[in-house]
Amino acid sequence: MTTSRKSTPSILSLIIKLVLFIAALYVSYRILKPLLSIILGISFWVIKLLVFIAVGLLIVHLFLKLIFGIDLWQKLKNHI
């Protein structure tokens, strides 16, 4: 049976660790903020472009099917 008890960290070391943690979070926020805004901006435009192309293809397919009876997906499958 051991008589040693677990040492509890002092309040001063706890405060220092907390302040260092908050400072590290602030520094990482300041460094990563421009990078994240650039990445989010680029990804927004890429998603917007992909949605625009997909909706355009669906509309062209619908009009070709309704007006001329041409199945665009079947033509693309046979071509590839």
PDB file of N, CA and C in Angstrom:
ATOM      1  N   MET A   1       0.843  -1.166   0.000  1.00  0.00           N
ATOM      2  CA  MET A   1       0.000   0.000   0.000  1.00  0.00           C
ATOM      3  C   MET A   1       0.892   1.234   0.000  1.00  0.00           C
ATOM      4  N   THR A   2       0.647   2.091  -0.939  1.00  0.00           N
ATOM      5  CA  THR A   2       1.477   3.293  -1.029  1.00  0.00           C
ATOM      6  C   THR A   2       0.824   4.430  -0.271  1.00  0.00           C
ATOM      7  N   THR A   3       1.656   5.236   0.305  1.00  0.00           N
ATOM      8  CA  THR A   3       1.145   6.380   1.062  1.00  0.00           C
ATOM      9  C   THR A   3       1.263   7.677   0.281  1.00  0.00           C
ATOM     10  N   SER A   4       1.841   7.601  -0.920  1.00  0.00           N
ATOM     11  CA  SER A   4       1.977   8.845  -1.696  1.00  0.00           C
ATOM     12  C   SER A   4       0.630   9.206  -2.320  1.00  0.00           C
ATOM     13  N   ARG A   5       0.347  10.455  -2.295  1.00  0.00           N
ATOM     14  CA  ARG A   5      -0.892  10.901  -2.906  1.00  0.00           C
ATOM     15  C   ARG A   5      -0.573  11.611  -4.212  1.00  0.00           C
ATOM     16  N   LYS A   6      -1.537  11.667  -5.067  1.00  0.00           N
ATOM     17  CA  LYS A   6      -1.325  12.306  -6.362  1.00  0.00           C
ATOM     18  C   LYS A   6      -1.184  13.804  -6.150  1.00  0.00           C
ATOM     19  N   SER A   7      -0.196  14.354  -6.828  1.00  0.00           N
ATOM     20  CA  SER A   7       0.015  15.791  -6.671  1.00  0.00           C
ATOM     21  C   SER A   7      -0.970  16.539  -7.571  1.00  0.00           C
ATOM     22  N   THR A   8      -1.619  17.506  -7.001  1.00  0.00           N
ATOM     23  CA  THR A   8      -2.550  18.324  -7.776  1.00  0.00           C
ATOM     24  C   THR A   8      -1.796  19.529  -8.307  1.00  0.00           C
ATOM     25  N   PRO A   9      -2.052  19.902  -9.549  1.00  0.00           N
ATOM     26  CA  PRO A   9      -1.347  21.059 -10.093  1.00  0.00           C
ATOM     27  C   PRO A   9      -1.783  22.336  -9.367  1.00  0.00           C
ATOM     28  N   SER A  10      -0.849  23.214  -9.205  1.00  0.00           N
ATOM     29  CA  SER A  10      -1.168  24.459  -8.510  1.00  0.00           C
ATOM     30  C   SER A  10      -2.041  25.333  -9.404  1.00  0.00           C
ATOM     31  N   ILE A  11      -2.727  26.247  -8.794  1.00  0.00           N
ATOM     32  CA  ILE A  11      -3.629  27.132  -9.524  1.00  0.00           C
ATOM     33  C   ILE A  11      -2.853  28.023 -10.489  1.00  0.00           C
ATOM     34  N   LEU A  12      -1.620  28.374 -10.114  1.00  0.00           N
ATOM     35  CA  LEU A  12      -0.806  29.224 -10.981  1.00  0.00           C
ATOM     36  C   LEU A  12      -0.422  28.492 -12.269  1.00  0.00           C
ATOM     37  N   SER A  13      -0.031  27.230 -12.165  1.00  0.00           N
ATOM     38  CA  SER A  13       0.332  26.482 -13.373  1.00  0.00           C
ATOM     39  C   SER A  13      -0.898  26.239 -14.246  1.00  0.00           C
ATOM     40  N   LEU A  14      -2.046  26.056 -13.635  1.00  0.00           N
ATOM     41  CA  LEU A  14      -3.279  25.886 -14.394  1.00  0.00           C
ATOM     42  C   LEU A  14      -3.628  27.161 -15.156  1.00  0.00           C
ATOM     43  N   ILE A  15      -3.476  28.308 -14.524  1.00  0.00           N
ATOM     44  CA  ILE A  15      -3.755  29.587 -15.180  1.00  0.00           C
ATOM     45  C   ILE A  15      -2.773  29.828 -16.319  1.00  0.00           C
ATOM     46  N   ILE A  16      -1.497  29.511 -16.104  1.00  0.00           N
ATOM     47  CA  ILE A  16      -0.488  29.691 -17.155  1.00  0.00           C
ATOM     48  C   ILE A  16      -0.801  28.799 -18.356  1.00  0.00           C
ATOM     49  N   LYS A  17      -1.175  27.555 -18.109  1.00  0.00           N
ATOM     50  CA  LYS A  17      -1.525  26.648 -19.205  1.00  0.00           C
ATOM     51  C   LYS A  17      -2.746  27.150 -19.967  1.00  0.00           C
ATOM     52  N   LEU A  18      -3.728  27.653 -19.243  1.00  0.00           N
ATOM     53  CA  LEU A  18      -4.933  28.171 -19.879  1.00  0.00           C
ATOM     54  C   LEU A  18      -4.629  29.396 -20.730  1.00  0.00           C
ATOM     55  N   VAL A  19      -3.808  30.298 -20.227  1.00  0.00           N
ATOM     56  CA  VAL A  19      -3.430  31.497 -20.985  1.00  0.00           C
ATOM     57  C   VAL A  19      -2.630  31.116 -22.224  1.00  0.00           C
ATOM     58  N   LEU A  20      -1.703  30.165 -22.092  1.00  0.00           N
ATOM     59  CA  LEU A  20      -0.939  29.706 -23.254  1.00  0.00           C
ATOM     60  C   LEU A  20      -1.841  29.044 -24.292  1.00  0.00           C
ATOM     61  N   PHE A  21      -2.810  28.286 -23.852  1.00  0.00           N
ATOM     62  CA  PHE A  21      -3.745  27.645 -24.770  1.00  0.00           C
ATOM     63  C   PHE A  21      -4.559  28.683 -25.533  1.00  0.00           C
ATOM     64  N   ILE A  22      -5.068  29.683 -24.835  1.00  0.00           N
ATOM     65  CA  ILE A  22      -5.845  30.743 -25.484  1.00  0.00           C
ATOM     66  C   ILE A  22      -4.968  31.538 -26.441  1.00  0.00           C
ATOM     67  N   ALA A  23      -3.727  31.816 -26.053  1.00  0.00           N
ATOM     68  CA  ALA A  23      -2.808  32.533 -26.940  1.00  0.00           C
ATOM     69  C   ALA A  23      -2.502  31.713 -28.191  1.00  0.00           C
ATOM     70  N   ALA A  24      -2.322  30.407 -28.042  1.00  0.00           N
ATOM     71  CA  ALA A  24      -2.061  29.551 -29.205  1.00  0.00           C
ATOM     72  C   ALA A  24      -3.267  29.513 -30.135  1.00  0.00           C
ATOM     73  N   LEU A  25      -4.457  29.462 -29.572  1.00  0.00           N
ATOM     74  CA  LEU A  25      -5.662  29.502 -30.404  1.00  0.00           C
ATOM     75  C   LEU A  25      -5.772  30.818 -31.164  1.00  0.00           C
ATOM     76  N   TYR A  26      -5.463  31.921 -30.501  1.00  0.00           N
ATOM     77  CA  TYR A  26      -5.539  33.229 -31.149  1.00  0.00           C
ATOM     78  C   TYR A  26      -4.517  33.339 -32.277  1.00  0.00           C
ATOM     79  N   VAL A  27      -3.292  32.886 -32.038  1.00  0.00           N
ATOM     80  CA  VAL A  27      -2.248  32.952 -33.071  1.00  0.00           C
ATOM     81  C   VAL A  27      -2.628  32.075 -34.261  1.00  0.00           C
ATOM     82  N   SER A  28      -3.125  30.876 -34.000  1.00  0.00           N
ATOM     83  CA  SER A  28      -3.517  30.005 -35.113  1.00  0.00           C
ATOM     84  C   SER A  28      -4.698  30.592 -35.881  1.00  0.00           C
ATOM     85  N   TYR A  29      -5.612  31.260 -35.181  1.00  0.00           N
ATOM     86  CA  TYR A  29      -6.728  31.928 -35.859  1.00  0.00           C
ATOM     87  C   TYR A  29      -6.213  33.041 -36.758  1.00  0.00           C
ATOM     88  N   ARG A  30      -5.290  33.843 -36.259  1.00  0.00           N
ATOM     89  CA  ARG A  30      -4.758  34.960 -37.055  1.00  0.00           C
ATOM     90  C   ARG A  30      -3.995  34.457 -38.273  1.00  0.00           C
ATOM     91  N   ILE A  31      -3.298  33.336 -38.130  1.00  0.00           N
ATOM     92  CA  ILE A  31      -2.518  32.797 -39.241  1.00  0.00           C
ATOM     93  C   ILE A  31      -3.432  32.122 -40.270  1.00  0.00           C
ATOM     94  N   LEU A  32      -4.408  31.350 -39.808  1.00  0.00           N
ATOM     95  CA  LEU A  32      -5.229  30.555 -40.715  1.00  0.00           C
ATOM     96  C   LEU A  32      -6.424  31.297 -41.302  1.00  0.00           C
ATOM     97  N   LYS A  33      -6.784  32.457 -40.764  1.00  0.00           N
ATOM     98  CA  LYS A  33      -7.955  33.175 -41.257  1.00  0.00           C
ATOM     99  C   LYS A  33      -7.845  33.523 -42.739  1.00  0.00           C
ATOM    100  N   PRO A  34      -6.743  34.112 -43.229  1.00  0.00           N
ATOM    101  CA  PRO A  34      -6.675  34.402 -44.670  1.00  0.00           C
ATOM    102  C   PRO A  34      -6.682  33.134 -45.524  1.00  0.00           C
ATOM    103  N   LEU A  35      -6.001  32.106 -45.061  1.00  0.00           N
ATOM    104  CA  LEU A  35      -5.951  30.857 -45.815  1.00  0.00           C
ATOM    105  C   LEU A  35      -7.334  30.225 -45.914  1.00  0.00           C
ATOM    106  N   LEU A  36      -8.061  30.200 -44.811  1.00  0.00           N
ATOM    107  CA  LEU A  36      -9.389  29.608 -44.824  1.00  0.00           C
ATOM    108  C   LEU A  36     -10.351  30.410 -45.687  1.00  0.00           C
ATOM    109  N   SER A  37     -10.238  31.731 -45.681  1.00  0.00           N
ATOM    110  CA  SER A  37     -11.133  32.526 -46.521  1.00  0.00           C
ATOM    111  C   SER A  37     -10.842  32.286 -47.999  1.00  0.00           C
ATOM    112  N   ILE A  38      -9.573  32.107 -48.351  1.00  0.00           N
ATOM    113  CA  ILE A  38      -9.226  31.809 -49.747  1.00  0.00           C
ATOM    114  C   ILE A  38      -9.767  30.435 -50.138  1.00  0.00           C
ATOM    115  N   ILE A  39      -9.558  29.441 -49.286  1.00  0.00           N
ATOM    116  CA  ILE A  39     -10.023  28.079 -49.589  1.00  0.00           C
ATOM    117  C   ILE A  39     -11.543  28.035 -49.685  1.00  0.00           C
ATOM    118  N   LEU A  40     -12.235  28.699 -48.764  1.00  0.00           N
ATOM    119  CA  LEU A  40     -13.692  28.711 -48.814  1.00  0.00           C
ATOM    120  C   LEU A  40     -14.200  29.460 -50.038  1.00  0.00           C
ATOM    121  N   GLY A  41     -13.522  30.539 -50.416  1.00  0.00           N
ATOM    122  CA  GLY A  41     -13.921  31.276 -51.607  1.00  0.00           C
ATOM    123  C   GLY A  41     -13.768  30.449 -52.866  1.00  0.00           C
ATOM    124  N   ILE A  42     -12.646  29.758 -52.991  1.00  0.00           N
ATOM    125  CA  ILE A  42     -12.415  28.916 -54.167  1.00  0.00           C
ATOM    126  C   ILE A  42     -13.413  27.759 -54.203  1.00  0.00           C
ATOM    127  N   SER A  43     -13.630  27.115 -53.072  1.00  0.00           N
ATOM    128  CA  SER A  43     -14.557  25.978 -53.058  1.00  0.00           C
ATOM    129  C   SER A  43     -15.983  26.427 -53.363  1.00  0.00           C
ATOM    130  N   PHE A  44     -16.374  27.628 -52.933  1.00  0.00           N
ATOM    131  CA  PHE A  44     -17.702  28.148 -53.256  1.00  0.00           C
ATOM    132  C   PHE A  44     -17.865  28.292 -54.758  1.00  0.00           C
ATOM    133  N   TRP A  45     -16.877  28.864 -55.434  1.00  0.00           N
ATOM    134  CA  TRP A  45     -16.989  29.063 -56.882  1.00  0.00           C
ATOM    135  C   TRP A  45     -16.931  27.747 -57.636  1.00  0.00           C
ATOM    136  N   VAL A  46     -16.156  26.785 -57.161  1.00  0.00           N
ATOM    137  CA  VAL A  46     -16.105  25.471 -57.819  1.00  0.00           C
ATOM    138  C   VAL A  46     -17.459  24.774 -57.696  1.00  0.00           C
ATOM    139  N   ILE A  47     -18.045  24.796 -56.504  1.00  0.00           N
ATOM    140  CA  ILE A  47     -19.353  24.172 -56.307  1.00  0.00           C
ATOM    141  C   ILE A  47     -20.408  24.881 -57.144  1.00  0.00           C
ATOM    142  N   LYS A  48     -20.347  26.194 -57.195  1.00  0.00           N
ATOM    143  CA  LYS A  48     -21.298  26.964 -57.993  1.00  0.00           C
ATOM    144  C   LYS A  48     -21.185  26.594 -59.469  1.00  0.00           C
ATOM    145  N   LEU A  49     -19.970  26.449 -59.974  1.00  0.00           N
ATOM    146  CA  LEU A  49     -19.756  26.077 -61.370  1.00  0.00           C
ATOM    147  C   LEU A  49     -20.264  24.662 -61.650  1.00  0.00           C
ATOM    148  N   LEU A  50     -19.985  23.721 -60.749  1.00  0.00           N
ATOM    149  CA  LEU A  50     -20.453  22.349 -60.939  1.00  0.00           C
ATOM    150  C   LEU A  50     -21.978  22.257 -60.937  1.00  0.00           C
ATOM    151  N   VAL A  51     -22.619  22.988 -60.049  1.00  0.00           N
ATOM    152  CA  VAL A  51     -24.083  22.989 -60.013  1.00  0.00           C
ATOM    153  C   VAL A  51     -24.638  23.613 -61.284  1.00  0.00           C
ATOM    154  N   PHE A  52     -24.032  24.697 -61.760  1.00  0.00           N
ATOM    155  CA  PHE A  52     -24.476  25.348 -62.993  1.00  0.00           C
ATOM    156  C   PHE A  52     -24.373  24.390 -64.179  1.00  0.00           C
ATOM    157  N   ILE A  53     -23.267  23.663 -64.288  1.00  0.00           N
ATOM    158  CA  ILE A  53     -23.078  22.713 -65.393  1.00  0.00           C
ATOM    159  C   ILE A  53     -24.082  21.564 -65.286  1.00  0.00           C
ATOM    160  N   ALA A  54     -24.289  21.036 -64.081  1.00  0.00           N
ATOM    161  CA  ALA A  54     -25.222  19.922 -63.897  1.00  0.00           C
ATOM    162  C   ALA A  54     -26.651  20.332 -64.239  1.00  0.00           C
ATOM    163  N   VAL A  55     -27.071  21.498 -63.784  1.00  0.00           N
ATOM    164  CA  VAL A  55     -28.427  21.965 -64.081  1.00  0.00           C
ATOM    165  C   VAL A  55     -28.569  22.242 -65.575  1.00  0.00           C
ATOM    166  N   GLY A  56     -27.548  22.807 -66.189  1.00  0.00           N
ATOM    167  CA  GLY A  56     -27.586  23.042 -67.634  1.00  0.00           C
ATOM    168  C   GLY A  56     -27.733  21.750 -68.415  1.00  0.00           C
ATOM    169  N   LEU A  57     -26.983  20.723 -68.034  1.00  0.00           N
ATOM    170  CA  LEU A  57     -27.102  19.430 -68.719  1.00  0.00           C
ATOM    171  C   LEU A  57     -28.484  18.810 -68.519  1.00  0.00           C
ATOM    172  N   LEU A  58     -29.024  18.928 -67.329  1.00  0.00           N
ATOM    173  CA  LEU A  58     -30.362  18.387 -67.087  1.00  0.00           C
ATOM    174  C   LEU A  58     -31.422  19.109 -67.913  1.00  0.00           C
ATOM    175  N   ILE A  59     -31.313  20.415 -68.031  1.00  0.00           N
ATOM    176  CA  ILE A  59     -32.281  21.181 -68.820  1.00  0.00           C
ATOM    177  C   ILE A  59     -32.149  20.848 -70.301  1.00  0.00           C
ATOM    178  N   VAL A  60     -30.911  20.761 -70.803  1.00  0.00           N
ATOM    179  CA  VAL A  60     -30.704  20.390 -72.206  1.00  0.00           C
ATOM    180  C   VAL A  60     -31.258  18.994 -72.459  1.00  0.00           C
ATOM    181  N   HIS A  61     -31.005  18.065 -71.545  1.00  0.00           N
ATOM    182  CA  HIS A  61     -31.525  16.700 -71.690  1.00  0.00           C
ATOM    183  C   HIS A  61     -33.050  16.706 -71.724  1.00  0.00           C
ATOM    184  N   LEU A  62     -33.664  17.466 -70.821  1.00  0.00           N
ATOM    185  CA  LEU A  62     -35.122  17.523 -70.767  1.00  0.00           C
ATOM    186  C   LEU A  62     -35.702  18.081 -72.059  1.00  0.00           C
ATOM    187  N   PHE A  63     -35.144  19.190 -72.555  1.00  0.00           N
ATOM    188  CA  PHE A  63     -35.664  19.789 -73.783  1.00  0.00           C
ATOM    189  C   PHE A  63     -35.433  18.891 -74.996  1.00  0.00           C
ATOM    190  N   LEU A  64     -34.284  18.245 -75.081  1.00  0.00           N
ATOM    191  CA  LEU A  64     -34.038  17.332 -76.197  1.00  0.00           C
ATOM    192  C   LEU A  64     -35.004  16.149 -76.156  1.00  0.00           C
ATOM    193  N   LYS A  65     -35.286  15.668 -74.959  1.00  0.00           N
ATOM    194  CA  LYS A  65     -36.192  14.527 -74.814  1.00  0.00           C
ATOM    195  C   LYS A  65     -37.624  14.925 -75.164  1.00  0.00           C
ATOM    196  N   LEU A  66     -38.068  16.089 -74.682  1.00  0.00           N
ATOM    197  CA  LEU A  66     -39.452  16.505 -74.922  1.00  0.00           C
ATOM    198  C   LEU A  66     -39.685  16.959 -76.361  1.00  0.00           C
ATOM    199  N   ILE A  67     -38.779  17.732 -76.911  1.00  0.00           N
ATOM    200  CA  ILE A  67     -39.009  18.332 -78.228  1.00  0.00           C
ATOM    201  C   ILE A  67     -38.650  17.370 -79.359  1.00  0.00           C
ATOM    202  N   PHE A  68     -37.464  16.771 -79.289  1.00  0.00           N
ATOM    203  CA  PHE A  68     -36.982  15.957 -80.406  1.00  0.00           C
ATOM    204  C   PHE A  68     -36.988  14.454 -80.125  1.00  0.00           C
ATOM    205  N   GLY A  69     -37.244  14.047 -78.906  1.00  0.00           N
ATOM    206  CA  GLY A  69     -37.238  12.628 -78.571  1.00  0.00           C
ATOM    207  C   GLY A  69     -35.842  12.023 -78.533  1.00  0.00           C
ATOM    208  N   ILE A  70     -34.830  12.858 -78.335  1.00  0.00           N
ATOM    209  CA  ILE A  70     -33.445  12.390 -78.289  1.00  0.00           C
ATOM    210  C   ILE A  70     -33.060  12.175 -76.825  1.00  0.00           C
ATOM    211  N   ASP A  71     -32.563  10.984 -76.532  1.00  0.00           N
ATOM    212  CA  ASP A  71     -32.110  10.693 -75.173  1.00  0.00           C
ATOM    213  C   ASP A  71     -30.620  11.031 -75.074  1.00  0.00           C
ATOM    214  N   LEU A  72     -30.316  12.132 -74.425  1.00  0.00           N
ATOM    215  CA  LEU A  72     -28.936  12.615 -74.342  1.00  0.00           C
ATOM    216  C   LEU A  72     -28.044  11.641 -73.588  1.00  0.00           C
ATOM    217  N   TRP A  73     -28.541  11.065 -72.496  1.00  0.00           N
ATOM    218  CA  TRP A  73     -27.717  10.153 -71.696  1.00  0.00           C
ATOM    219  C   TRP A  73     -27.364   8.897 -72.490  1.00  0.00           C
ATOM    220  N   GLN A  74     -28.343   8.387 -73.274  1.00  0.00           N
ATOM    221  CA  GLN A  74     -28.076   7.199 -74.078  1.00  0.00           C
ATOM    222  C   GLN A  74     -27.043   7.504 -75.155  1.00  0.00           C
ATOM    223  N   LYS A  75     -27.144   8.675 -75.782  1.00  0.00           N
ATOM    224  CA  LYS A  75     -26.168   9.062 -76.807  1.00  0.00           C
ATOM    225  C   LYS A  75     -24.776   9.196 -76.202  1.00  0.00           C
ATOM    226  N   LEU A  76     -24.697   9.783 -75.001  1.00  0.00           N
ATOM    227  CA  LEU A  76     -23.396   9.931 -74.349  1.00  0.00           C
ATOM    228  C   LEU A  76     -22.825   8.574 -73.943  1.00  0.00           C
ATOM    229  N   LYS A  77     -23.675   7.654 -73.478  1.00  0.00           N
ATOM    230  CA  LYS A  77     -23.203   6.323 -73.101  1.00  0.00           C
ATOM    231  C   LYS A  77     -22.685   5.559 -74.313  1.00  0.00           C
ATOM    232  N   ASN A  78     -23.384   5.676 -75.428  1.00  0.00           N
ATOM    233  CA  ASN A  78     -22.952   4.982 -76.638  1.00  0.00           C
ATOM    234  C   ASN A  78     -21.684   5.598 -77.209  1.00  0.00           C
ATOM    235  N   HIS A  79     -21.525   6.891 -77.043  1.00  0.00           N
ATOM    236  CA  HIS A  79     -20.345   7.584 -77.569  1.00  0.00           C
ATOM    237  C   HIS A  79     -19.099   7.233 -76.761  1.00  0.00           C
ATOM    238  N   ILE A  80     -19.265   7.088 -75.472  1.00  0.00           N
ATOM    239  CA  ILE A  80     -18.118   6.777 -74.604  1.00  0.00           C
ATOM    240  C   ILE A  80     -17.889   5.300 -74.652  1.00  0.00           C
TER     241      ILE A  80
END
